[in-house]
Full PDB file with SEQRES, HELIX, SHEET, SSBOND, CRYST1, ORIGX, SCALE, CONECT and MASTER records, all heavy atoms in Angstrom:
SEQRES   1 A   41  ASN ASN ASP VAL THR PHE ILE GLY GLY LEU ILE LEU LYS          
SEQRES   2 A   41  HIS GLN GLN ILE ILE PRO SER ASN MET HIS SER PHE GLY          
SEQRES   3 A   41  GLU THR GLN GLY LEU GLU TYR LEU GLU ARG GLY ILE ALA          
SEQRES   4 A   41  ALA MET                                                      
HELIX    1 AA1 ASN A    2  ASN A   21  1                                  20    
SHEET    1 AA1 2 HIS A  23  GLN A  29  0                                        
SHEET    2 AA1 2 GLU A  32  ALA A  39 -1                                        
CRYST1    1.000    1.000    1.000  90.00  90.00  90.00 P 1           1          
ORIGX1      1.000000  0.000000  0.000000        0.00000                         
ORIGX2      0.000000  1.000000  0.000000        0.00000                         
ORIGX3      0.000000  0.000000  1.000000        0.00000                         
SCALE1      1.000000  0.000000  0.000000        0.00000                         
SCALE2      0.000000  1.000000  0.000000        0.00000                         
SCALE3      0.000000  0.000000  1.000000        0.00000                         
ATOM      1  N   ASN A   1     -28.882   8.851  12.224  1.00  0.00           N  
ATOM      2  CA  ASN A   1     -28.357  10.289  12.037  1.00  0.00           C  
ATOM      3  C   ASN A   1     -27.655  10.450  10.627  1.00  0.00           C  
ATOM      4  O   ASN A   1     -26.721   9.869  10.294  1.00  0.00           O  
ATOM      5  CB  ASN A   1     -27.230  10.529  13.052  1.00  0.00           C  
ATOM      6  CG  ASN A   1     -26.741  11.909  13.032  1.00  0.00           C  
ATOM      7  OD1 ASN A   1     -26.324  12.560  12.061  1.00  0.00           O  
ATOM      8  ND2 ASN A   1     -26.646  12.529  14.301  1.00  0.00           N  
ATOM      9  N   ASN A   2     -28.223  11.245   9.825  1.00  0.00           N  
ATOM     10  CA  ASN A   2     -27.810  11.403   8.464  1.00  0.00           C  
ATOM     11  C   ASN A   2     -26.411  11.923   8.290  1.00  0.00           C  
ATOM     12  O   ASN A   2     -25.708  11.522   7.283  1.00  0.00           O  
ATOM     13  CB  ASN A   2     -28.799  12.463   7.733  1.00  0.00           C  
ATOM     14  CG  ASN A   2     -30.198  11.806   7.478  1.00  0.00           C  
ATOM     15  OD1 ASN A   2     -30.299  10.558   7.452  1.00  0.00           O  
ATOM     16  ND2 ASN A   2     -31.252  12.691   7.325  1.00  0.00           N  
ATOM     17  N   ASP A   3     -25.936  12.711   9.138  1.00  0.00           N  
ATOM     18  CA  ASP A   3     -24.558  13.262   9.151  1.00  0.00           C  
ATOM     19  C   ASP A   3     -23.677  12.129   9.359  1.00  0.00           C  
ATOM     20  O   ASP A   3     -22.463  11.917   8.735  1.00  0.00           O  
ATOM     21  CB  ASP A   3     -24.383  14.353  10.113  1.00  0.00           C  
ATOM     22  CG  ASP A   3     -25.100  15.655   9.769  1.00  0.00           C  
ATOM     23  OD1 ASP A   3     -25.493  15.788   8.615  1.00  0.00           O  
ATOM     24  OD2 ASP A   3     -25.237  16.572  10.612  1.00  0.00           O  
ATOM     25  N   VAL A   4     -23.950  11.305  10.418  1.00  0.00           N  
ATOM     26  CA  VAL A   4     -23.014  10.127  10.731  1.00  0.00           C  
ATOM     27  C   VAL A   4     -22.983   9.180   9.573  1.00  0.00           C  
ATOM     28  O   VAL A   4     -21.877   8.802   9.138  1.00  0.00           O  
ATOM     29  CB  VAL A   4     -23.560   9.542  11.997  1.00  0.00           C  
ATOM     30  CG1 VAL A   4     -22.774   8.180  12.264  1.00  0.00           C  
ATOM     31  CG2 VAL A   4     -23.473  10.392  13.203  1.00  0.00           C  
ATOM     32  N   THR A   5     -24.004   8.869   9.037  1.00  0.00           N  
ATOM     33  CA  THR A   5     -24.168   7.824   7.835  1.00  0.00           C  
ATOM     34  C   THR A   5     -23.362   8.430   6.676  1.00  0.00           C  
ATOM     35  O   THR A   5     -22.773   7.705   5.868  1.00  0.00           O  
ATOM     36  CB  THR A   5     -25.481   7.454   7.536  1.00  0.00           C  
ATOM     37  OG1 THR A   5     -26.279   8.464   7.274  1.00  0.00           O  
ATOM     38  CG2 THR A   5     -26.149   6.666   8.749  1.00  0.00           C  
ATOM     39  N   PHE A   6     -23.500   9.823   6.406  1.00  0.00           N  
ATOM     40  CA  PHE A   6     -22.860  10.380   5.328  1.00  0.00           C  
ATOM     41  C   PHE A   6     -21.390  10.364   5.494  1.00  0.00           C  
ATOM     42  O   PHE A   6     -20.652   9.946   4.512  1.00  0.00           O  
ATOM     43  CB  PHE A   6     -23.259  11.851   5.142  1.00  0.00           C  
ATOM     44  CG  PHE A   6     -22.501  12.652   4.219  1.00  0.00           C  
ATOM     45  CD1 PHE A   6     -22.575  12.358   2.848  1.00  0.00           C  
ATOM     46  CD2 PHE A   6     -21.598  13.705   4.559  1.00  0.00           C  
ATOM     47  CE1 PHE A   6     -21.819  13.099   1.862  1.00  0.00           C  
ATOM     48  CE2 PHE A   6     -20.877  14.412   3.692  1.00  0.00           C  
ATOM     49  CZ  PHE A   6     -20.924  14.137   2.349  1.00  0.00           C  
ATOM     50  N   ILE A   7     -20.866  10.652   6.621  1.00  0.00           N  
ATOM     51  CA  ILE A   7     -19.349  10.668   6.857  1.00  0.00           C  
ATOM     52  C   ILE A   7     -18.909   9.174   6.822  1.00  0.00           C  
ATOM     53  O   ILE A   7     -17.891   8.834   6.270  1.00  0.00           O  
ATOM     54  CB  ILE A   7     -18.955  11.271   8.210  1.00  0.00           C  
ATOM     55  CG1 ILE A   7     -19.200  12.799   8.163  1.00  0.00           C  
ATOM     56  CG2 ILE A   7     -17.469  11.030   8.500  1.00  0.00           C  
ATOM     57  CD1 ILE A   7     -18.380  13.560   7.044  1.00  0.00           C  
ATOM     58  N   GLY A   8     -19.712   8.281   7.324  1.00  0.00           N  
ATOM     59  CA  GLY A   8     -19.404   6.827   7.307  1.00  0.00           C  
ATOM     60  C   GLY A   8     -19.289   6.408   5.898  1.00  0.00           C  
ATOM     61  O   GLY A   8     -18.442   5.655   5.525  1.00  0.00           O  
ATOM     62  N   GLY A   9     -20.178   6.878   4.988  1.00  0.00           N  
ATOM     63  CA  GLY A   9     -20.082   6.506   3.609  1.00  0.00           C  
ATOM     64  C   GLY A   9     -18.888   6.994   2.881  1.00  0.00           C  
ATOM     65  O   GLY A   9     -18.246   6.217   1.988  1.00  0.00           O  
ATOM     66  N   LEU A  10     -18.250   8.104   3.336  1.00  0.00           N  
ATOM     67  CA  LEU A  10     -17.083   8.690   2.722  1.00  0.00           C  
ATOM     68  C   LEU A  10     -15.909   7.832   3.142  1.00  0.00           C  
ATOM     69  O   LEU A  10     -15.056   7.466   2.338  1.00  0.00           O  
ATOM     70  CB  LEU A  10     -16.874  10.174   3.146  1.00  0.00           C  
ATOM     71  CG  LEU A  10     -17.843  11.237   2.550  1.00  0.00           C  
ATOM     72  CD1 LEU A  10     -17.390  12.555   3.056  1.00  0.00           C  
ATOM     73  CD2 LEU A  10     -17.850  11.131   1.052  1.00  0.00           C  
ATOM     74  N   ILE A  11     -15.887   7.492   4.506  1.00  0.00           N  
ATOM     75  CA  ILE A  11     -14.799   6.708   4.962  1.00  0.00           C  
ATOM     76  C   ILE A  11     -14.822   5.322   4.324  1.00  0.00           C  
ATOM     77  O   ILE A  11     -13.753   4.769   3.981  1.00  0.00           O  
ATOM     78  CB  ILE A  11     -14.889   6.594   6.554  1.00  0.00           C  
ATOM     79  CG1 ILE A  11     -14.710   7.947   7.273  1.00  0.00           C  
ATOM     80  CG2 ILE A  11     -13.906   5.596   7.079  1.00  0.00           C  
ATOM     81  CD1 ILE A  11     -14.844   7.958   8.705  1.00  0.00           C  
ATOM     82  N   LEU A  12     -15.948   4.618   4.093  1.00  0.00           N  
ATOM     83  CA  LEU A  12     -15.953   3.455   3.398  1.00  0.00           C  
ATOM     84  C   LEU A  12     -15.524   3.568   1.977  1.00  0.00           C  
ATOM     85  O   LEU A  12     -14.881   2.676   1.367  1.00  0.00           O  
ATOM     86  CB  LEU A  12     -17.532   2.964   3.422  1.00  0.00           C  
ATOM     87  CG  LEU A  12     -17.691   1.603   2.608  1.00  0.00           C  
ATOM     88  CD1 LEU A  12     -16.765   0.534   3.202  1.00  0.00           C  
ATOM     89  CD2 LEU A  12     -19.158   1.158   2.748  1.00  0.00           C  
ATOM     90  N   LYS A  13     -15.841   4.653   1.296  1.00  0.00           N  
ATOM     91  CA  LYS A  13     -15.297   4.798  -0.048  1.00  0.00           C  
ATOM     92  C   LYS A  13     -13.768   5.024   0.003  1.00  0.00           C  
ATOM     93  O   LYS A  13     -13.097   4.523  -0.754  1.00  0.00           O  
ATOM     94  CB  LYS A  13     -15.920   6.183  -0.639  1.00  0.00           C  
ATOM     95  CG  LYS A  13     -15.589   6.377  -2.106  1.00  0.00           C  
ATOM     96  CD  LYS A  13     -16.366   7.661  -2.497  1.00  0.00           C  
ATOM     97  CE  LYS A  13     -15.992   7.951  -4.108  1.00  0.00           C  
ATOM     98  NZ  LYS A  13     -16.748   7.026  -4.991  1.00  0.00           N  
ATOM     99  N   HIS A  14     -13.289   5.702   0.994  1.00  0.00           N  
ATOM    100  CA  HIS A  14     -11.803   5.970   1.133  1.00  0.00           C  
ATOM    101  C   HIS A  14     -11.131   4.510   1.455  1.00  0.00           C  
ATOM    102  O   HIS A  14     -10.009   4.265   0.911  1.00  0.00           O  
ATOM    103  CB  HIS A  14     -11.472   6.844   2.341  1.00  0.00           C  
ATOM    104  CG  HIS A  14     -12.057   8.195   2.197  1.00  0.00           C  
ATOM    105  ND1 HIS A  14     -12.293   9.008   3.226  1.00  0.00           N  
ATOM    106  CD2 HIS A  14     -12.385   8.888   1.150  1.00  0.00           C  
ATOM    107  CE1 HIS A  14     -12.877  10.157   2.968  1.00  0.00           C  
ATOM    108  NE2 HIS A  14     -12.950  10.119   1.530  1.00  0.00           N  
ATOM    109  N   GLN A  15     -11.855   3.680   2.097  1.00  0.00           N  
ATOM    110  CA  GLN A  15     -11.245   2.373   2.366  1.00  0.00           C  
ATOM    111  C   GLN A  15     -11.078   1.602   1.134  1.00  0.00           C  
ATOM    112  O   GLN A  15     -10.231   0.647   0.943  1.00  0.00           O  
ATOM    113  CB  GLN A  15     -12.214   1.478   3.229  1.00  0.00           C  
ATOM    114  CG  GLN A  15     -12.242   2.004   4.713  1.00  0.00           C  
ATOM    115  CD  GLN A  15     -11.330   1.159   5.659  1.00  0.00           C  
ATOM    116  OE1 GLN A  15     -11.165  -0.094   5.365  1.00  0.00           O  
ATOM    117  NE2 GLN A  15     -10.770   1.804   6.515  1.00  0.00           N  
ATOM    118  N   GLN A  16     -11.843   1.947   0.068  1.00  0.00           N  
ATOM    119  CA  GLN A  16     -11.642   1.206  -1.348  1.00  0.00           C  
ATOM    120  C   GLN A  16     -10.776   2.034  -2.107  1.00  0.00           C  
ATOM    121  O   GLN A  16     -10.134   1.414  -3.102  1.00  0.00           O  
ATOM    122  CB  GLN A  16     -13.067   1.035  -1.839  1.00  0.00           C  
ATOM    123  CG  GLN A  16     -13.880   0.222  -1.055  1.00  0.00           C  
ATOM    124  CD  GLN A  16     -15.406   0.387  -1.513  1.00  0.00           C  
ATOM    125  OE1 GLN A  16     -15.760  -0.351  -2.532  1.00  0.00           O  
ATOM    126  NE2 GLN A  16     -16.239   0.886  -0.770  1.00  0.00           N  
ATOM    127  N   ILE A  17     -10.651   3.341  -2.044  1.00  0.00           N  
ATOM    128  CA  ILE A  17      -9.855   4.133  -2.959  1.00  0.00           C  
ATOM    129  C   ILE A  17      -8.464   3.886  -2.585  1.00  0.00           C  
ATOM    130  O   ILE A  17      -7.510   3.827  -3.488  1.00  0.00           O  
ATOM    131  CB  ILE A  17     -10.241   5.634  -2.760  1.00  0.00           C  
ATOM    132  CG1 ILE A  17     -11.500   5.993  -3.412  1.00  0.00           C  
ATOM    133  CG2 ILE A  17      -9.066   6.504  -3.372  1.00  0.00           C  
ATOM    134  CD1 ILE A  17     -12.013   7.380  -3.271  1.00  0.00           C  
ATOM    135  N   ILE A  18      -8.098   3.831  -1.291  1.00  0.00           N  
ATOM    136  CA  ILE A  18      -6.640   3.839  -0.870  1.00  0.00           C  
ATOM    137  C   ILE A  18      -5.895   2.642  -1.356  1.00  0.00           C  
ATOM    138  O   ILE A  18      -4.784   2.861  -1.980  1.00  0.00           O  
ATOM    139  CB  ILE A  18      -6.661   3.939   0.600  1.00  0.00           C  
ATOM    140  CG1 ILE A  18      -7.107   5.329   1.189  1.00  0.00           C  
ATOM    141  CG2 ILE A  18      -5.248   3.678   1.179  1.00  0.00           C  
ATOM    142  CD1 ILE A  18      -7.454   5.353   2.602  1.00  0.00           C  
ATOM    143  N   PRO A  19      -6.290   1.452  -1.328  1.00  0.00           N  
ATOM    144  CA  PRO A  19      -5.466   0.323  -1.808  1.00  0.00           C  
ATOM    145  C   PRO A  19      -5.145   0.410  -3.256  1.00  0.00           C  
ATOM    146  O   PRO A  19      -4.092  -0.151  -3.653  1.00  0.00           O  
ATOM    147  CB  PRO A  19      -6.368  -0.947  -1.366  1.00  0.00           C  
ATOM    148  CG  PRO A  19      -7.324  -0.556  -0.472  1.00  0.00           C  
ATOM    149  CD  PRO A  19      -7.524   0.851  -0.699  1.00  0.00           C  
ATOM    150  N   SER A  20      -5.879   0.947  -4.048  1.00  0.00           N  
ATOM    151  CA  SER A  20      -5.796   1.036  -5.498  1.00  0.00           C  
ATOM    152  C   SER A  20      -5.153   2.379  -6.028  1.00  0.00           C  
ATOM    153  O   SER A  20      -4.677   2.415  -7.108  1.00  0.00           O  
ATOM    154  CB  SER A  20      -7.101   0.905  -6.282  1.00  0.00           C  
ATOM    155  OG  SER A  20      -7.663  -0.298  -5.992  1.00  0.00           O  
ATOM    156  N   ASN A  21      -4.935   3.258  -5.101  1.00  0.00           N  
ATOM    157  CA  ASN A  21      -4.396   4.666  -5.484  1.00  0.00           C  
ATOM    158  C   ASN A  21      -3.294   5.249  -4.673  1.00  0.00           C  
ATOM    159  O   ASN A  21      -2.573   6.168  -5.200  1.00  0.00           O  
ATOM    160  CB  ASN A  21      -5.589   5.531  -5.609  1.00  0.00           C  
ATOM    161  CG  ASN A  21      -6.686   5.207  -6.587  1.00  0.00           C  
ATOM    162  OD1 ASN A  21      -6.486   5.428  -7.769  1.00  0.00           O  
ATOM    163  ND2 ASN A  21      -7.802   4.576  -6.166  1.00  0.00           N  
ATOM    164  N   MET A  22      -3.187   4.924  -3.479  1.00  0.00           N  
ATOM    165  CA  MET A  22      -2.168   5.579  -2.571  1.00  0.00           C  
ATOM    166  C   MET A  22      -0.797   5.356  -3.049  1.00  0.00           C  
ATOM    167  O   MET A  22      -0.474   4.312  -3.526  1.00  0.00           O  
ATOM    168  CB  MET A  22      -2.378   5.246  -1.177  1.00  0.00           C  
ATOM    169  CG  MET A  22      -3.621   5.710  -0.502  1.00  0.00           C  
ATOM    170  SD  MET A  22      -3.765   7.602  -0.571  1.00  0.00           S  
ATOM    171  CE  MET A  22      -5.180   7.706  -1.852  1.00  0.00           C  
ATOM    172  N   HIS A  23       0.189   6.156  -2.850  1.00  0.00           N  
ATOM    173  CA  HIS A  23       1.503   5.995  -3.277  1.00  0.00           C  
ATOM    174  C   HIS A  23       2.409   5.942  -2.100  1.00  0.00           C  
ATOM    175  O   HIS A  23       2.207   6.646  -1.189  1.00  0.00           O  
ATOM    176  CB  HIS A  23       1.894   7.220  -4.315  1.00  0.00           C  
ATOM    177  CG  HIS A  23       1.367   7.048  -5.626  1.00  0.00           C  
ATOM    178  ND1 HIS A  23       0.098   7.572  -5.889  1.00  0.00           N  
ATOM    179  CD2 HIS A  23       1.849   6.746  -6.828  1.00  0.00           C  
ATOM    180  CE1 HIS A  23      -0.184   7.296  -7.102  1.00  0.00           C  
ATOM    181  NE2 HIS A  23       0.884   6.895  -7.685  1.00  0.00           N  
ATOM    182  N   SER A  24       3.411   5.203  -2.239  1.00  0.00           N  
ATOM    183  CA  SER A  24       4.515   5.136  -1.226  1.00  0.00           C  
ATOM    184  C   SER A  24       5.269   6.404  -1.292  1.00  0.00           C  
ATOM    185  O   SER A  24       5.613   6.851  -2.434  1.00  0.00           O  
ATOM    186  CB  SER A  24       5.429   3.877  -1.302  1.00  0.00           C  
ATOM    187  OG  SER A  24       6.438   3.921  -0.414  1.00  0.00           O  
ATOM    188  N   PHE A  25       5.717   7.050  -0.173  1.00  0.00           N  
ATOM    189  CA  PHE A  25       6.538   8.264  -0.112  1.00  0.00           C  
ATOM    190  C   PHE A  25       7.802   7.691   0.586  1.00  0.00           C  
ATOM    191  O   PHE A  25       7.748   7.357   1.794  1.00  0.00           O  
ATOM    192  CB  PHE A  25       5.764   9.323   0.731  1.00  0.00           C  
ATOM    193  CG  PHE A  25       6.382  10.550   0.812  1.00  0.00           C  
ATOM    194  CD1 PHE A  25       6.441  11.486  -0.221  1.00  0.00           C  
ATOM    195  CD2 PHE A  25       7.035  10.963   2.052  1.00  0.00           C  
ATOM    196  CE1 PHE A  25       7.073  12.728  -0.216  1.00  0.00           C  
ATOM    197  CE2 PHE A  25       7.758  12.226   2.048  1.00  0.00           C  
ATOM    198  CZ  PHE A  25       7.617  13.083   1.016  1.00  0.00           C  
ATOM    199  N   GLY A  26       8.857   7.829  -0.192  1.00  0.00           N  
ATOM    200  CA  GLY A  26      10.039   7.093   0.356  1.00  0.00           C  
ATOM    201  C   GLY A  26      11.282   7.924   0.819  1.00  0.00           C  
ATOM    202  O   GLY A  26      11.235   9.134   0.759  1.00  0.00           O  
ATOM    203  N   GLU A  27      12.187   7.243   1.324  1.00  0.00           N  
ATOM    204  CA  GLU A  27      13.552   7.903   1.754  1.00  0.00           C  
ATOM    205  C   GLU A  27      14.610   6.999   1.518  1.00  0.00           C  
ATOM    206  O   GLU A  27      14.472   5.703   1.496  1.00  0.00           O  
ATOM    207  CB  GLU A  27      13.333   8.243   3.229  1.00  0.00           C  
ATOM    208  CG  GLU A  27      13.311   7.060   4.230  1.00  0.00           C  
ATOM    209  CD  GLU A  27      13.225   7.522   5.631  1.00  0.00           C  
ATOM    210  OE1 GLU A  27      12.836   8.716   5.925  1.00  0.00           O  
ATOM    211  OE2 GLU A  27      13.509   6.638   6.520  1.00  0.00           O  
ATOM    212  N   THR A  28      15.813   7.348   1.426  1.00  0.00           N  
ATOM    213  CA  THR A  28      17.005   6.504   1.251  1.00  0.00           C  
ATOM    214  C   THR A  28      17.694   6.483   2.622  1.00  0.00           C  
ATOM    215  O   THR A  28      18.002   7.419   3.291  1.00  0.00           O  
ATOM    216  CB  THR A  28      17.994   7.136   0.165  1.00  0.00           C  
ATOM    217  OG1 THR A  28      17.334   7.241  -0.991  1.00  0.00           O  
ATOM    218  CG2 THR A  28      19.266   6.323   0.125  1.00  0.00           C  
ATOM    219  N   GLN A  29      17.845   5.187   2.949  1.00  0.00           N  
ATOM    220  CA  GLN A  29      18.704   4.964   4.213  1.00  0.00           C  
ATOM    221  C   GLN A  29      19.835   3.909   3.930  1.00  0.00           C  
ATOM    222  O   GLN A  29      19.456   2.694   3.795  1.00  0.00           O  
ATOM    223  CB  GLN A  29      17.755   4.374   5.384  1.00  0.00           C  
ATOM    224  CG  GLN A  29      18.355   4.217   6.701  1.00  0.00           C  
ATOM    225  CD  GLN A  29      17.390   3.701   7.715  1.00  0.00           C  
ATOM    226  OE1 GLN A  29      17.705   2.834   8.408  1.00  0.00           O  
ATOM    227  NE2 GLN A  29      16.265   4.263   7.888  1.00  0.00           N  
ATOM    228  N   GLY A  30      20.959   4.390   3.805  1.00  0.00           N  
ATOM    229  CA  GLY A  30      22.100   3.548   3.331  1.00  0.00           C  
ATOM    230  C   GLY A  30      21.865   3.062   1.977  1.00  0.00           C  
ATOM    231  O   GLY A  30      21.672   3.918   1.013  1.00  0.00           O  
ATOM    232  N   LEU A  31      21.878   1.739   1.783  1.00  0.00           N  
ATOM    233  CA  LEU A  31      21.673   1.199   0.484  1.00  0.00           C  
ATOM    234  C   LEU A  31      20.190   0.835   0.266  1.00  0.00           C  
ATOM    235  O   LEU A  31      19.928   0.293  -0.818  1.00  0.00           O  
ATOM    236  CB  LEU A  31      22.466  -0.103   0.360  1.00  0.00           C  
ATOM    237  CG  LEU A  31      24.081   0.036   0.291  1.00  0.00           C  
ATOM    238  CD1 LEU A  31      24.755  -1.329   0.223  1.00  0.00           C  
ATOM    239  CD2 LEU A  31      24.470   1.116  -0.867  1.00  0.00           C  
ATOM    240  N   GLU A  32      19.374   1.053   1.186  1.00  0.00           N  
ATOM    241  CA  GLU A  32      18.063   0.800   1.136  1.00  0.00           C  
ATOM    242  C   GLU A  32      17.144   1.963   0.728  1.00  0.00           C  
ATOM    243  O   GLU A  32      17.367   3.005   1.198  1.00  0.00           O  
ATOM    244  CB  GLU A  32      17.441   0.126   2.342  1.00  0.00           C  
ATOM    245  CG  GLU A  32      18.065  -1.275   2.591  1.00  0.00           C  
ATOM    246  CD  GLU A  32      17.449  -1.985   3.778  1.00  0.00           C  
ATOM    247  OE1 GLU A  32      17.887  -1.646   4.943  1.00  0.00           O  
ATOM    248  OE2 GLU A  32      16.478  -2.673   3.602  1.00  0.00           O  
ATOM    249  N   TYR A  33      16.056   1.715   0.066  1.00  0.00           N  
ATOM    250  CA  TYR A  33      14.976   2.670  -0.234  1.00  0.00           C  
ATOM    251  C   TYR A  33      13.735   2.202   0.562  1.00  0.00           C  
ATOM    252  O   TYR A  33      13.185   1.243   0.277  1.00  0.00           O  
ATOM    253  CB  TYR A  33      14.637   2.746  -1.641  1.00  0.00           C  
ATOM    254  CG  TYR A  33      13.769   3.968  -1.998  1.00  0.00           C  
ATOM    255  CD1 TYR A  33      14.313   5.323  -2.005  1.00  0.00           C  
ATOM    256  CD2 TYR A  33      12.454   3.809  -2.294  1.00  0.00           C  
ATOM    257  CE1 TYR A  33      13.487   6.354  -2.340  1.00  0.00           C  
ATOM    258  CE2 TYR A  33      11.608   4.784  -2.595  1.00  0.00           C  
ATOM    259  CZ  TYR A  33      12.131   6.181  -2.592  1.00  0.00           C  
ATOM    260  OH  TYR A  33      11.459   7.250  -2.799  1.00  0.00           O  
ATOM    261  N   LEU A  34      13.346   3.035   1.620  1.00  0.00           N  
ATOM    262  CA  LEU A  34      12.313   2.554   2.486  1.00  0.00           C  
ATOM    263  C   LEU A  34      11.144   3.563   2.495  1.00  0.00           C  
ATOM    264  O   LEU A  34      11.136   4.702   1.918  1.00  0.00           O  
ATOM    265  CB  LEU A  34      13.042   2.506   3.952  1.00  0.00           C  
ATOM    266  CG  LEU A  34      14.177   1.713   4.235  1.00  0.00           C  
ATOM    267  CD1 LEU A  34      14.703   1.967   5.634  1.00  0.00           C  
ATOM    268  CD2 LEU A  34      13.852   0.308   4.011  1.00  0.00           C  
ATOM    269  N   GLU A  35       9.995   3.097   2.987  1.00  0.00           N  
ATOM    270  CA  GLU A  35       8.797   3.767   3.065  1.00  0.00           C  
ATOM    271  C   GLU A  35       8.795   4.726   4.314  1.00  0.00           C  
ATOM    272  O   GLU A  35       8.951   4.358   5.347  1.00  0.00           O  
ATOM    273  CB  GLU A  35       7.484   2.831   3.081  1.00  0.00           C  
ATOM    274  CG  GLU A  35       6.278   3.607   2.954  1.00  0.00           C  
ATOM    275  CD  GLU A  35       5.059   2.650   2.838  1.00  0.00           C  
ATOM    276  OE1 GLU A  35       5.005   1.842   3.746  1.00  0.00           O  
ATOM    277  OE2 GLU A  35       4.265   2.835   1.871  1.00  0.00           O  
ATOM    278  N   ARG A  36       8.646   6.026   3.949  1.00  0.00           N  
ATOM    279  CA  ARG A  36       8.493   7.079   5.016  1.00  0.00           C  
ATOM    280  C   ARG A  36       7.106   7.325   5.348  1.00  0.00           C  
ATOM    281  O   ARG A  36       6.751   7.544   6.555  1.00  0.00           O  
ATOM    282  CB  ARG A  36       9.226   8.317   4.478  1.00  0.00           C  
ATOM    283  CG  ARG A  36       9.027   9.505   5.516  1.00  0.00           C  
ATOM    284  CD  ARG A  36       9.806  10.794   5.025  1.00  0.00           C  
ATOM    285  NE  ARG A  36      11.173  10.618   5.214  1.00  0.00           N  
ATOM    286  CZ  ARG A  36      12.068  11.701   5.115  1.00  0.00           C  
ATOM    287  NH1 ARG A  36      11.657  12.825   4.791  1.00  0.00           N  
ATOM    288  NH2 ARG A  36      13.337  11.469   5.299  1.00  0.00           N  
ATOM    289  N   GLY A  37       6.166   7.418   4.306  1.00  0.00           N  
ATOM    290  CA  GLY A  37       4.774   7.625   4.452  1.00  0.00           C  
ATOM    291  C   GLY A  37       3.971   7.169   3.299  1.00  0.00           C  
ATOM    292  O   GLY A  37       4.488   6.560   2.425  1.00  0.00           O  
ATOM    293  N   ILE A  38       2.700   7.482   3.282  1.00  0.00           N  
ATOM    294  CA  ILE A  38       1.792   7.291   2.165  1.00  0.00           C  
ATOM    295  C   ILE A  38       1.248   8.607   1.748  1.00  0.00           C  
ATOM    296  O   ILE A  38       1.017   9.446   2.600  1.00  0.00           O  
ATOM    297  CB  ILE A  38       0.793   6.142   2.457  1.00  0.00           C  
ATOM    298  CG1 ILE A  38      -0.069   6.546   3.723  1.00  0.00           C  
ATOM    299  CG2 ILE A  38       1.443   4.762   2.727  1.00  0.00           C  
ATOM    300  CD1 ILE A  38      -1.212   5.605   3.928  1.00  0.00           C  
ATOM    301  N   ALA A  39       0.976   8.644   0.460  1.00  0.00           N  
ATOM    302  CA  ALA A  39       0.669   9.911  -0.137  1.00  0.00           C  
ATOM    303  C   ALA A  39      -0.563   9.805  -1.018  1.00  0.00           C  
ATOM    304  O   ALA A  39      -0.674   8.790  -1.755  1.00  0.00           O  
ATOM    305  CB  ALA A  39       1.737  10.498  -0.923  1.00  0.00           C  
ATOM    306  N   ALA A  40      -1.594  10.708  -0.929  1.00  0.00           N  
ATOM    307  CA  ALA A  40      -2.733  10.792  -1.742  1.00  0.00           C  
ATOM    308  C   ALA A  40      -2.407  11.746  -2.905  1.00  0.00           C  
ATOM    309  O   ALA A  40      -2.225  12.831  -2.773  1.00  0.00           O  
ATOM    310  CB  ALA A  40      -4.011  11.225  -0.974  1.00  0.00           C  
ATOM    311  N   MET A  41      -2.277  11.112  -3.981  1.00  0.00           N  
ATOM    312  CA  MET A  41      -1.773  11.849  -5.229  1.00  0.00           C  
ATOM    313  C   MET A  41      -2.804  11.799  -6.430  1.00  0.00           C  
ATOM    314  O   MET A  41      -2.845  10.767  -7.223  1.00  0.00           O  
ATOM    315  CB  MET A  41      -0.407  11.216  -5.745  1.00  0.00           C  
ATOM    316  CG  MET A  41       0.587  11.009  -4.685  1.00  0.00           C  
ATOM    317  SD  MET A  41       1.260  12.449  -3.957  1.00  0.00           S  
ATOM    318  CE  MET A  41       2.088  13.189  -5.463  1.00  0.00           C  
TER     319      MET A  41                                                      
MASTER        0    0    0    1    2    0    0    6  318    1    0    4          
END                                                                             
């Protein structure tokens, strides 16, 4: 199925983009700065 393999190709590309590009989205809790989420920037 061409549509399935196309979307699969995008997800595989994302699997490689994310570790090198995603940013931590943080928050302050007491004296610590913790991760709230991850952001595509």
